[in-house]
Amino acid sequence: MKNRYEALLVLNTQGREDTVKDIVDRLESEFQKEGADIEQVQKMDKRHFSYVAGPDSGFYVNFVFHAEPQLITKLRSKFKLDPEVYRQNYQRLPEKKEKAPKKLAKAT
């Protein structure tokens, strides 16, 4: 059974700010290649880090997708080896509930 997940990736784009779109497209295709159904890709912004241990800033990208639970471990290990992914965080989300259409009050 596929669960709904959110992946927050921090990209190391030092010196390559113009290639962010290409990197995001490549990562999106990596998710799909592994069997994830992408629901939403949210390109956030470049932010400076408060505490510098490596690069001084990173570009944040949020992926919302449906995948098998075993796939998260596979994605973690795959992106850990990717030099353009500086940090990654995965979180399971509740399933999206379909909203019932609102009933309109009848005019009397």
PDB file of N, CA and C in Angstrom:
ATOM      1  N   MET A   1       0.839  -1.177   0.000  1.00  0.00           N
ATOM      2  CA  MET A   1       0.000   0.000   0.000  1.00  0.00           C
ATOM      3  C   MET A   1       0.890   1.248   0.000  1.00  0.00           C
ATOM      4  N   LYS A   2       0.548   2.171  -0.851  1.00  0.00           N
ATOM      5  CA  LYS A   2       1.333   3.397  -0.951  1.00  0.00           C
ATOM      6  C   LYS A   2       0.869   4.415   0.088  1.00  0.00           C
ATOM      7  N   ASN A   3       1.839   5.009   0.758  1.00  0.00           N
ATOM      8  CA  ASN A   3       1.577   6.066   1.724  1.00  0.00           C
ATOM      9  C   ASN A   3       1.920   7.412   1.109  1.00  0.00           C
ATOM     10  N   ARG A   4       1.445   8.455   1.740  1.00  0.00           N
ATOM     11  CA  ARG A   4       1.724   9.816   1.279  1.00  0.00           C
ATOM     12  C   ARG A   4       2.883  10.371   2.092  1.00  0.00           C
ATOM     13  N   TYR A   5       3.910  10.882   1.404  1.00  0.00           N
ATOM     14  CA  TYR A   5       5.112  11.389   2.059  1.00  0.00           C
ATOM     15  C   TYR A   5       5.443  12.792   1.582  1.00  0.00           C
ATOM     16  N   GLU A   6       6.261  13.463   2.404  1.00  0.00           N
ATOM     17  CA  GLU A   6       6.803  14.764   2.051  1.00  0.00           C
ATOM     18  C   GLU A   6       8.321  14.659   2.193  1.00  0.00           C
ATOM     19  N   ALA A   7       9.037  15.087   1.180  1.00  0.00           N
ATOM     20  CA  ALA A   7      10.500  15.096   1.225  1.00  0.00           C
ATOM     21  C   ALA A   7      10.974  16.534   1.087  1.00  0.00           C
ATOM     22  N   LEU A   8      11.724  16.997   2.067  1.00  0.00           N
ATOM     23  CA  LEU A   8      12.321  18.325   2.003  1.00  0.00           C
ATOM     24  C   LEU A   8      13.799  18.134   1.702  1.00  0.00           C
ATOM     25  N   LEU A   9      14.217  18.598   0.542  1.00  0.00           N
ATOM     26  CA  LEU A   9      15.606  18.470   0.127  1.00  0.00           C
ATOM     27  C   LEU A   9      16.242  19.851   0.095  1.00  0.00           C
ATOM     28  N   VAL A  10      17.444  19.939   0.630  1.00  0.00           N
ATOM     29  CA  VAL A  10      18.220  21.174   0.568  1.00  0.00           C
ATOM     30  C   VAL A  10      19.333  20.922  -0.445  1.00  0.00           C
ATOM     31  N   LEU A  11      19.332  21.724  -1.497  1.00  0.00           N
ATOM     32  CA  LEU A  11      20.287  21.527  -2.591  1.00  0.00           C
ATOM     33  C   LEU A  11      21.516  22.401  -2.408  1.00  0.00           C
ATOM     34  N   ASN A  12      22.666  21.831  -2.695  1.00  0.00           N
ATOM     35  CA  ASN A  12      23.919  22.575  -2.675  1.00  0.00           C
ATOM     36  C   ASN A  12      24.135  23.120  -4.079  1.00  0.00           C
ATOM     37  N   THR A  13      23.844  24.397  -4.271  1.00  0.00           N
ATOM     38  CA  THR A  13      23.937  25.009  -5.602  1.00  0.00           C
ATOM     39  C   THR A  13      25.001  26.092  -5.661  1.00  0.00           C
ATOM     40  N   GLN A  14      25.980  26.033  -4.779  1.00  0.00           N
ATOM     41  CA  GLN A  14      27.009  27.073  -4.759  1.00  0.00           C
ATOM     42  C   GLN A  14      27.686  27.169  -6.117  1.00  0.00           C
ATOM     43  N   GLY A  15      27.642  28.386  -6.676  1.00  0.00           N
ATOM     44  CA  GLY A  15      28.268  28.622  -7.968  1.00  0.00           C
ATOM     45  C   GLY A  15      27.443  28.163  -9.155  1.00  0.00           C
ATOM     46  N   ARG A  16      26.286  27.521  -8.901  1.00  0.00           N
ATOM     47  CA  ARG A  16      25.452  27.003  -9.990  1.00  0.00           C
ATOM     48  C   ARG A  16      23.987  27.378  -9.786  1.00  0.00           C
ATOM     49  N   GLU A  17      23.717  28.603  -9.388  1.00  0.00           N
ATOM     50  CA  GLU A  17      22.348  29.024  -9.103  1.00  0.00           C
ATOM     51  C   GLU A  17      21.455  28.973 -10.343  1.00  0.00           C
ATOM     52  N   ASP A  18      22.040  29.089 -11.523  1.00  0.00           N
ATOM     53  CA  ASP A  18      21.240  29.082 -12.750  1.00  0.00           C
ATOM     54  C   ASP A  18      20.789  27.678 -13.150  1.00  0.00           C
ATOM     55  N   THR A  19      21.333  26.635 -12.521  1.00  0.00           N
ATOM     56  CA  THR A  19      20.975  25.263 -12.885  1.00  0.00           C
ATOM     57  C   THR A  19      19.989  24.630 -11.910  1.00  0.00           C
ATOM     58  N   VAL A  20      19.368  25.413 -11.042  1.00  0.00           N
ATOM     59  CA  VAL A  20      18.452  24.866 -10.038  1.00  0.00           C
ATOM     60  C   VAL A  20      17.292  24.134 -10.699  1.00  0.00           C
ATOM     61  N   LYS A  21      16.712  24.701 -11.741  1.00  0.00           N
ATOM     62  CA  LYS A  21      15.572  24.068 -12.422  1.00  0.00           C
ATOM     63  C   LYS A  21      15.971  22.705 -12.991  1.00  0.00           C
ATOM     64  N   ASP A  22      17.176  22.609 -13.564  1.00  0.00           N
ATOM     65  CA  ASP A  22      17.643  21.335 -14.105  1.00  0.00           C
ATOM     66  C   ASP A  22      17.832  20.297 -13.005  1.00  0.00           C
ATOM     67  N   ILE A  23      18.359  20.728 -11.867  1.00  0.00           N
ATOM     68  CA  ILE A  23      18.571  19.811 -10.746  1.00  0.00           C
ATOM     69  C   ILE A  23      17.236  19.304 -10.212  1.00  0.00           C
ATOM     70  N   VAL A  24      16.262  20.207 -10.062  1.00  0.00           N
ATOM     71  CA  VAL A  24      14.941  19.821  -9.554  1.00  0.00           C
ATOM     72  C   VAL A  24      14.264  18.855 -10.529  1.00  0.00           C
ATOM     73  N   ASP A  25      14.372  19.117 -11.825  1.00  0.00           N
ATOM     74  CA  ASP A  25      13.788  18.215 -12.825  1.00  0.00           C
ATOM     75  C   ASP A  25      14.446  16.832 -12.764  1.00  0.00           C
ATOM     76  N   ARG A  26      15.759  16.801 -12.560  1.00  0.00           N
ATOM     77  CA  ARG A  26      16.475  15.521 -12.466  1.00  0.00           C
ATOM     78  C   ARG A  26      16.040  14.749 -11.227  1.00  0.00           C
ATOM     79  N   LEU A  27      15.902  15.447 -10.096  1.00  0.00           N
ATOM     80  CA  LEU A  27      15.464  14.785  -8.866  1.00  0.00           C
ATOM     81  C   LEU A  27      14.028  14.277  -8.993  1.00  0.00           C
ATOM     82  N   GLU A  28      13.187  15.063  -9.653  1.00  0.00           N
ATOM     83  CA  GLU A  28      11.800  14.634  -9.866  1.00  0.00           C
ATOM     84  C   GLU A  28      11.763  13.353 -10.700  1.00  0.00           C
ATOM     85  N   SER A  29      12.589  13.272 -11.732  1.00  0.00           N
ATOM     86  CA  SER A  29      12.626  12.060 -12.547  1.00  0.00           C
ATOM     87  C   SER A  29      13.204  10.882 -11.760  1.00  0.00           C
ATOM     88  N   GLU A  30      14.117  11.147 -10.816  1.00  0.00           N
ATOM     89  CA  GLU A  30      14.657  10.078  -9.961  1.00  0.00           C
ATOM     90  C   GLU A  30      13.551   9.501  -9.074  1.00  0.00           C
ATOM     91  N   PHE A  31      12.706  10.373  -8.496  1.00  0.00           N
ATOM     92  CA  PHE A  31      11.583   9.901  -7.696  1.00  0.00           C
ATOM     93  C   PHE A  31      10.674   9.007  -8.542  1.00  0.00           C
ATOM     94  N   GLN A  32      10.346   9.472  -9.746  1.00  0.00           N
ATOM     95  CA  GLN A  32       9.436   8.718 -10.606  1.00  0.00           C
ATOM     96  C   GLN A  32      10.071   7.411 -11.079  1.00  0.00           C
ATOM     97  N   LYS A  33      11.365   7.432 -11.338  1.00  0.00           N
ATOM     98  CA  LYS A  33      12.072   6.229 -11.790  1.00  0.00           C
ATOM     99  C   LYS A  33      12.031   5.138 -10.723  1.00  0.00           C
ATOM    100  N   GLU A  34      12.055   5.539  -9.454  1.00  0.00           N
ATOM    101  CA  GLU A  34      12.027   4.582  -8.346  1.00  0.00           C
ATOM    102  C   GLU A  34      10.615   4.099  -8.026  1.00  0.00           C
ATOM    103  N   GLY A  35       9.590   4.714  -8.640  1.00  0.00           N
ATOM    104  CA  GLY A  35       8.220   4.240  -8.459  1.00  0.00           C
ATOM    105  C   GLY A  35       7.333   5.142  -7.625  1.00  0.00           C
ATOM    106  N   ALA A  36       7.775   6.353  -7.334  1.00  0.00           N
ATOM    107  CA  ALA A  36       6.952   7.289  -6.559  1.00  0.00           C
ATOM    108  C   ALA A  36       6.022   8.054  -7.493  1.00  0.00           C
ATOM    109  N   ASP A  37       4.807   8.290  -7.022  1.00  0.00           N
ATOM    110  CA  ASP A  37       3.836   9.098  -7.765  1.00  0.00           C
ATOM    111  C   ASP A  37       3.860  10.503  -7.176  1.00  0.00           C
ATOM    112  N   ILE A  38       4.428  11.452  -7.902  1.00  0.00           N
ATOM    113  CA  ILE A  38       4.591  12.809  -7.385  1.00  0.00           C
ATOM    114  C   ILE A  38       3.270  13.558  -7.470  1.00  0.00           C
ATOM    115  N   GLU A  39       2.885  14.134  -6.338  1.00  0.00           N
ATOM    116  CA  GLU A  39       1.658  14.914  -6.256  1.00  0.00           C
ATOM    117  C   GLU A  39       1.952  16.406  -6.436  1.00  0.00           C
ATOM    118  N   GLN A  40       3.075  16.864  -5.855  1.00  0.00           N
ATOM    119  CA  GLN A  40       3.379  18.294  -5.894  1.00  0.00           C
ATOM    120  C   GLN A  40       4.883  18.503  -5.719  1.00  0.00           C
ATOM    121  N   VAL A  41       5.414  19.469  -6.464  1.00  0.00           N
ATOM    122  CA  VAL A  41       6.804  19.903  -6.299  1.00  0.00           C
ATOM    123  C   VAL A  41       6.758  21.393  -5.979  1.00  0.00           C
ATOM    124  N   GLN A  42       7.323  21.749  -4.843  1.00  0.00           N
ATOM    125  CA  GLN A  42       7.288  23.136  -4.398  1.00  0.00           C
ATOM    126  C   GLN A  42       8.725  23.642  -4.299  1.00  0.00           C
ATOM    127  N   LYS A  43       9.087  24.527  -5.234  1.00  0.00           N
ATOM    128  CA  LYS A  43      10.416  25.127  -5.209  1.00  0.00           C
ATOM    129  C   LYS A  43      10.340  26.318  -4.275  1.00  0.00           C
ATOM    130  N   MET A  44      11.006  26.225  -3.169  1.00  0.00           N
ATOM    131  CA  MET A  44      10.886  27.268  -2.160  1.00  0.00           C
ATOM    132  C   MET A  44      11.821  28.432  -2.478  1.00  0.00           C
ATOM    133  N   ASP A  45      12.957  28.510  -1.884  1.00  0.00           N
ATOM    134  CA  ASP A  45      13.836  29.640  -2.111  1.00  0.00           C
ATOM    135  C   ASP A  45      15.214  29.292  -1.586  1.00  0.00           C
ATOM    136  N   LYS A  46      16.165  30.124  -1.930  1.00  0.00           N
ATOM    137  CA  LYS A  46      17.510  29.964  -1.398  1.00  0.00           C
ATOM    138  C   LYS A  46      17.557  30.673  -0.046  1.00  0.00           C
ATOM    139  N   ARG A  47      18.071  29.970   0.965  1.00  0.00           N
ATOM    140  CA  ARG A  47      18.144  30.542   2.306  1.00  0.00           C
ATOM    141  C   ARG A  47      19.547  30.349   2.875  1.00  0.00           C
ATOM    142  N   HIS A  48      19.969  31.319   3.654  1.00  0.00           N
ATOM    143  CA  HIS A  48      21.264  31.232   4.324  1.00  0.00           C
ATOM    144  C   HIS A  48      21.110  30.432   5.609  1.00  0.00           C
ATOM    145  N   PHE A  49      22.138  29.632   5.926  1.00  0.00           N
ATOM    146  CA  PHE A  49      22.117  28.825   7.133  1.00  0.00           C
ATOM    147  C   PHE A  49      22.596  29.641   8.318  1.00  0.00           C
ATOM    148  N   SER A  50      22.005  29.401   9.490  1.00  0.00           N
ATOM    149  CA  SER A  50      22.422  30.093  10.708  1.00  0.00           C
ATOM    150  C   SER A  50      23.791  29.596  11.159  1.00  0.00           C
ATOM    151  N   TYR A  51      23.965  28.279  11.108  1.00  0.00           N
ATOM    152  CA  TYR A  51      25.226  27.673  11.511  1.00  0.00           C
ATOM    153  C   TYR A  51      25.851  27.027  10.293  1.00  0.00           C
ATOM    154  N   VAL A  52      27.053  27.409   9.959  1.00  0.00           N
ATOM    155  CA  VAL A  52      27.695  26.934   8.737  1.00  0.00           C
ATOM    156  C   VAL A  52      28.623  25.772   9.057  1.00  0.00           C
ATOM    157  N   ALA A  53      28.336  24.612   8.468  1.00  0.00           N
ATOM    158  CA  ALA A  53      29.203  23.448   8.616  1.00  0.00           C
ATOM    159  C   ALA A  53      29.713  23.015   7.245  1.00  0.00           C
ATOM    160  N   GLY A  54      29.133  23.531   6.211  1.00  0.00           N
ATOM    161  CA  GLY A  54      29.499  23.208   4.838  1.00  0.00           C
ATOM    162  C   GLY A  54      29.230  24.441   4.005  1.00  0.00           C
ATOM    163  N   PRO A  55      28.339  24.311   3.032  1.00  0.00           N
ATOM    164  CA  PRO A  55      27.964  25.506   2.263  1.00  0.00           C
ATOM    165  C   PRO A  55      27.226  26.501   3.163  1.00  0.00           C
ATOM    166  N   ASP A  56      27.284  27.781   2.820  1.00  0.00           N
ATOM    167  CA  ASP A  56      26.649  28.798   3.669  1.00  0.00           C
ATOM    168  C   ASP A  56      25.177  29.027   3.354  1.00  0.00           C
ATOM    169  N   SER A  57      24.675  28.425   2.261  1.00  0.00           N
ATOM    170  CA  SER A  57      23.259  28.561   1.916  1.00  0.00           C
ATOM    171  C   SER A  57      22.843  27.364   1.072  1.00  0.00           C
ATOM    172  N   GLY A  58      21.524  27.196   0.933  1.00  0.00           N
ATOM    173  CA  GLY A  58      21.002  26.093   0.142  1.00  0.00           C
ATOM    174  C   GLY A  58      19.646  26.437  -0.437  1.00  0.00           C
ATOM    175  N   PHE A  59      19.287  25.765  -1.505  1.00  0.00           N
ATOM    176  CA  PHE A  59      18.002  25.968  -2.165  1.00  0.00           C
ATOM    177  C   PHE A  59      17.057  24.866  -1.690  1.00  0.00           C
ATOM    178  N   TYR A  60      15.929  25.245  -1.120  1.00  0.00           N
ATOM    179  CA  TYR A  60      14.977  24.291  -0.549  1.00  0.00           C
ATOM    180  C   TYR A  60      13.936  23.873  -1.583  1.00  0.00           C
ATOM    181  N   VAL A  61      13.679  22.556  -1.659  1.00  0.00           N
ATOM    182  CA  VAL A  61      12.660  22.000  -2.559  1.00  0.00           C
ATOM    183  C   VAL A  61      11.844  20.993  -1.764  1.00  0.00           C
ATOM    184  N   ASN A  62      10.526  21.077  -1.899  1.00  0.00           N
ATOM    185  CA  ASN A  62       9.617  20.203  -1.180  1.00  0.00           C
ATOM    186  C   ASN A  62       8.873  19.318  -2.184  1.00  0.00           C
ATOM    187  N   PHE A  63       8.964  18.001  -1.998  1.00  0.00           N
ATOM    188  CA  PHE A  63       8.259  17.044  -2.854  1.00  0.00           C
ATOM    189  C   PHE A  63       7.171  16.378  -2.020  1.00  0.00           C
ATOM    190  N   VAL A  64       5.947  16.321  -2.528  1.00  0.00           N
ATOM    191  CA  VAL A  64       4.865  15.552  -1.914  1.00  0.00           C
ATOM    192  C   VAL A  64       4.566  14.419  -2.889  1.00  0.00           C
ATOM    193  N   PHE A  65       4.618  13.169  -2.373  1.00  0.00           N
ATOM    194  CA  PHE A  65       4.483  12.025  -3.274  1.00  0.00           C
ATOM    195  C   PHE A  65       3.879  10.829  -2.557  1.00  0.00           C
ATOM    196  N   HIS A  66       3.451   9.848  -3.337  1.00  0.00           N
ATOM    197  CA  HIS A  66       2.919   8.582  -2.829  1.00  0.00           C
ATOM    198  C   HIS A  66       3.927   7.495  -3.178  1.00  0.00           C
ATOM    199  N   ALA A  67       4.272   6.679  -2.173  1.00  0.00           N
ATOM    200  CA  ALA A  67       5.257   5.624  -2.408  1.00  0.00           C
ATOM    201  C   ALA A  67       5.104   4.521  -1.376  1.00  0.00           C
ATOM    202  N   GLU A  68       5.719   3.384  -1.681  1.00  0.00           N
ATOM    203  CA  GLU A  68       5.790   2.280  -0.734  1.00  0.00           C
ATOM    204  C   GLU A  68       6.751   2.660   0.392  1.00  0.00           C
ATOM    205  N   PRO A  69       6.535   2.163   1.615  1.00  0.00           N
ATOM    206  CA  PRO A  69       7.416   2.514   2.738  1.00  0.00           C
ATOM    207  C   PRO A  69       8.886   2.134   2.512  1.00  0.00           C
ATOM    208  N   GLN A  70       9.159   1.042   1.813  1.00  0.00           N
ATOM    209  CA  GLN A  70      10.532   0.605   1.576  1.00  0.00           C
ATOM    210  C   GLN A  70      11.291   1.582   0.678  1.00  0.00           C
ATOM    211  N   LEU A  71      10.570   2.339  -0.111  1.00  0.00           N
ATOM    212  CA  LEU A  71      11.206   3.250  -1.066  1.00  0.00           C
ATOM    213  C   LEU A  71      11.922   4.407  -0.367  1.00  0.00           C
ATOM    214  N   ILE A  72      11.471   4.786   0.817  1.00  0.00           N
ATOM    215  CA  ILE A  72      12.077   5.908   1.539  1.00  0.00           C
ATOM    216  C   ILE A  72      13.540   5.591   1.863  1.00  0.00           C
ATOM    217  N   THR A  73      13.814   4.389   2.320  1.00  0.00           N
ATOM    218  CA  THR A  73      15.195   3.988   2.634  1.00  0.00           C
ATOM    219  C   THR A  73      16.050   4.005   1.376  1.00  0.00           C
ATOM    220  N   LYS A  74      15.487   3.553   0.288  1.00  0.00           N
ATOM    221  CA  LYS A  74      16.211   3.527  -0.986  1.00  0.00           C
ATOM    222  C   LYS A  74      16.527   4.949  -1.466  1.00  0.00           C
ATOM    223  N   LEU A  75      15.544   5.856  -1.349  1.00  0.00           N
ATOM    224  CA  LEU A  75      15.761   7.241  -1.761  1.00  0.00           C
ATOM    225  C   LEU A  75      16.795   7.934  -0.879  1.00  0.00           C
ATOM    226  N   ARG A  76      16.749   7.676   0.433  1.00  0.00           N
ATOM    227  CA  ARG A  76      17.725   8.261   1.358  1.00  0.00           C
ATOM    228  C   ARG A  76      19.149   7.892   0.963  1.00  0.00           C
ATOM    229  N   SER A  77      19.364   6.611   0.730  1.00  0.00           N
ATOM    230  CA  SER A  77      20.719   6.163   0.399  1.00  0.00           C
ATOM    231  C   SER A  77      21.153   6.665  -0.975  1.00  0.00           C
ATOM    232  N   LYS A  78      20.223   6.769  -1.898  1.00  0.00           N
ATOM    233  CA  LYS A  78      20.556   7.253  -3.235  1.00  0.00           C
ATOM    234  C   LYS A  78      20.936   8.733  -3.213  1.00  0.00           C
ATOM    235  N   PHE A  79      20.137   9.550  -2.521  1.00  0.00           N
ATOM    236  CA  PHE A  79      20.405  10.992  -2.482  1.00  0.00           C
ATOM    237  C   PHE A  79      21.554  11.348  -1.547  1.00  0.00           C
ATOM    238  N   LYS A  80      21.894  10.439  -0.629  1.00  0.00           N
ATOM    239  CA  LYS A  80      23.042  10.673   0.246  1.00  0.00           C
ATOM    240  C   LYS A  80      24.337  10.699  -0.563  1.00  0.00           C
ATOM    241  N   LEU A  81      24.366   9.965  -1.655  1.00  0.00           N
ATOM    242  CA  LEU A  81      25.537   9.913  -2.529  1.00  0.00           C
ATOM    243  C   LEU A  81      25.549  11.014  -3.574  1.00  0.00           C
ATOM    244  N   ASP A  82      24.442  11.748  -3.692  1.00  0.00           N
ATOM    245  CA  ASP A  82      24.335  12.815  -4.686  1.00  0.00           C
ATOM    246  C   ASP A  82      24.999  14.085  -4.140  1.00  0.00           C
ATOM    247  N   PRO A  83      26.013  14.618  -4.802  1.00  0.00           N
ATOM    248  CA  PRO A  83      26.702  15.808  -4.285  1.00  0.00           C
ATOM    249  C   PRO A  83      25.844  17.085  -4.309  1.00  0.00           C
ATOM    250  N   GLU A  84      24.776  17.093  -5.089  1.00  0.00           N
ATOM    251  CA  GLU A  84      23.927  18.285  -5.171  1.00  0.00           C
ATOM    252  C   GLU A  84      22.851  18.326  -4.095  1.00  0.00           C
ATOM    253  N   VAL A  85      22.642  17.209  -3.382  1.00  0.00           N
ATOM    254  CA  VAL A  85      21.678  17.168  -2.279  1.00  0.00           C
ATOM    255  C   VAL A  85      22.469  17.293  -0.981  1.00  0.00           C
ATOM    256  N   TYR A  86      22.305  18.443  -0.308  1.00  0.00           N
ATOM    257  CA  TYR A  86      23.062  18.711   0.912  1.00  0.00           C
ATOM    258  C   TYR A  86      22.391  18.073   2.121  1.00  0.00           C
ATOM    259  N   ARG A  87      21.090  18.246   2.278  1.00  0.00           N
ATOM    260  CA  ARG A  87      20.324  17.659   3.376  1.00  0.00           C
ATOM    261  C   ARG A  87      19.013  17.109   2.828  1.00  0.00           C
ATOM    262  N   GLN A  88      18.454  16.127   3.562  1.00  0.00           N
ATOM    263  CA  GLN A  88      17.165  15.565   3.177  1.00  0.00           C
ATOM    264  C   GLN A  88      16.387  15.159   4.415  1.00  0.00           C
ATOM    265  N   ASN A  89      15.076  15.348   4.351  1.00  0.00           N
ATOM    266  CA  ASN A  89      14.202  14.992   5.455  1.00  0.00           C
ATOM    267  C   ASN A  89      12.899  14.451   4.876  1.00  0.00           C
ATOM    268  N   TYR A  90      12.458  13.299   5.400  1.00  0.00           N
ATOM    269  CA  TYR A  90      11.234  12.668   4.913  1.00  0.00           C
ATOM    270  C   TYR A  90      10.237  12.580   6.055  1.00  0.00           C
ATOM    271  N   GLN A  91       8.956  12.790   5.719  1.00  0.00           N
ATOM    272  CA  GLN A  91       7.907  12.748   6.716  1.00  0.00           C
ATOM    273  C   GLN A  91       6.667  12.131   6.094  1.00  0.00           C
ATOM    274  N   ARG A  92       6.023  11.238   6.837  1.00  0.00           N
ATOM    275  CA  ARG A  92       4.778  10.647   6.356  1.00  0.00           C
ATOM    276  C   ARG A  92       3.637  11.616   6.636  1.00  0.00           C
ATOM    277  N   LEU A  93       2.803  11.823   5.629  1.00  0.00           N
ATOM    278  CA  LEU A  93       1.671  12.748   5.742  1.00  0.00           C
ATOM    279  C   LEU A  93       0.375  11.961   5.842  1.00  0.00           C
ATOM    280  N   PRO A  94      -0.648  12.557   6.454  1.00  0.00           N
ATOM    281  CA  PRO A  94      -1.959  11.900   6.443  1.00  0.00           C
ATOM    282  C   PRO A  94      -2.520  11.920   5.021  1.00  0.00           C
ATOM    283  N   GLU A  95      -3.354  10.952   4.736  1.00  0.00           N
ATOM    284  CA  GLU A  95      -3.963  10.893   3.410  1.00  0.00           C
ATOM    285  C   GLU A  95      -4.847  12.110   3.194  1.00  0.00           C
ATOM    286  N   LYS A  96      -4.859  12.586   1.962  1.00  0.00           N
ATOM    287  CA  LYS A  96      -5.666  13.753   1.616  1.00  0.00           C
ATOM    288  C   LYS A  96      -7.133  13.337   1.600  1.00  0.00           C
ATOM    289  N   LYS A  97      -7.941  14.071   2.334  1.00  0.00           N
ATOM    290  CA  LYS A  97      -9.369  13.766   2.393  1.00  0.00           C
ATOM    291  C   LYS A  97     -10.099  14.581   1.349  1.00  0.00           C
ATOM    292  N   GLU A  98     -10.996  13.933   0.650  1.00  0.00           N
ATOM    293  CA  GLU A  98     -11.809  14.624  -0.341  1.00  0.00           C
ATOM    294  C   GLU A  98     -12.896  15.398   0.389  1.00  0.00           C
ATOM    295  N   LYS A  99     -13.005  16.659   0.081  1.00  0.00           N
ATOM    296  CA  LYS A  99     -14.037  17.482   0.710  1.00  0.00           C
ATOM    297  C   LYS A  99     -15.355  17.297  -0.029  1.00  0.00           C
ATOM    298  N   ALA A 100     -16.402  17.134   0.758  1.00  0.00           N
ATOM    299  CA  ALA A 100     -17.729  17.006   0.162  1.00  0.00           C
ATOM    300  C   ALA A 100     -18.154  18.393  -0.316  1.00  0.00           C
ATOM    301  N   PRO A 101     -18.848  18.463  -1.432  1.00  0.00           N
ATOM    302  CA  PRO A 101     -19.293  19.780  -1.906  1.00  0.00           C
ATOM    303  C   PRO A 101     -20.241  20.413  -0.886  1.00  0.00           C
ATOM    304  N   LYS A 102     -20.113  21.709  -0.746  1.00  0.00           N
ATOM    305  CA  LYS A 102     -20.959  22.430   0.199  1.00  0.00           C
ATOM    306  C   LYS A 102     -22.383  22.477  -0.315  1.00  0.00           C
ATOM    307  N   LYS A 103     -23.318  22.313   0.617  1.00  0.00           N
ATOM    308  CA  LYS A 103     -24.728  22.376   0.261  1.00  0.00           C
ATOM    309  C   LYS A 103     -25.166  23.820   0.405  1.00  0.00           C
ATOM    310  N   LEU A 104     -25.814  24.301  -0.581  1.00  0.00           N
ATOM    311  CA  LEU A 104     -26.318  25.667  -0.550  1.00  0.00           C
ATOM    312  C   LEU A 104     -27.680  25.705   0.127  1.00  0.00           C
ATOM    313  N   ALA A 105     -27.899  26.719   0.901  1.00  0.00           N
ATOM    314  CA  ALA A 105     -29.192  26.881   1.569  1.00  0.00           C
ATOM    315  C   ALA A 105     -30.238  27.268   0.526  1.00  0.00           C
ATOM    316  N   LYS A 106     -31.427  26.723   0.655  1.00  0.00           N
ATOM    317  CA  LYS A 106     -32.498  27.036  -0.283  1.00  0.00           C
ATOM    318  C   LYS A 106     -33.128  28.353   0.112  1.00  0.00           C
ATOM    319  N   ALA A 107     -33.384  29.175  -0.863  1.00  0.00           N
ATOM    320  CA  ALA A 107     -34.047  30.468  -0.634  1.00  0.00           C
ATOM    321  C   ALA A 107     -35.559  30.217  -0.496  1.00  0.00           C
ATOM    322  N   THR A 108     -36.136  30.809   0.501  1.00  0.00           N
ATOM    323  CA  THR A 108     -37.582  30.597   0.695  1.00  0.00           C
ATOM    324  C   THR A 108     -38.359  31.857   0.421  1.00  0.00           C
TER     325      THR A 108
END
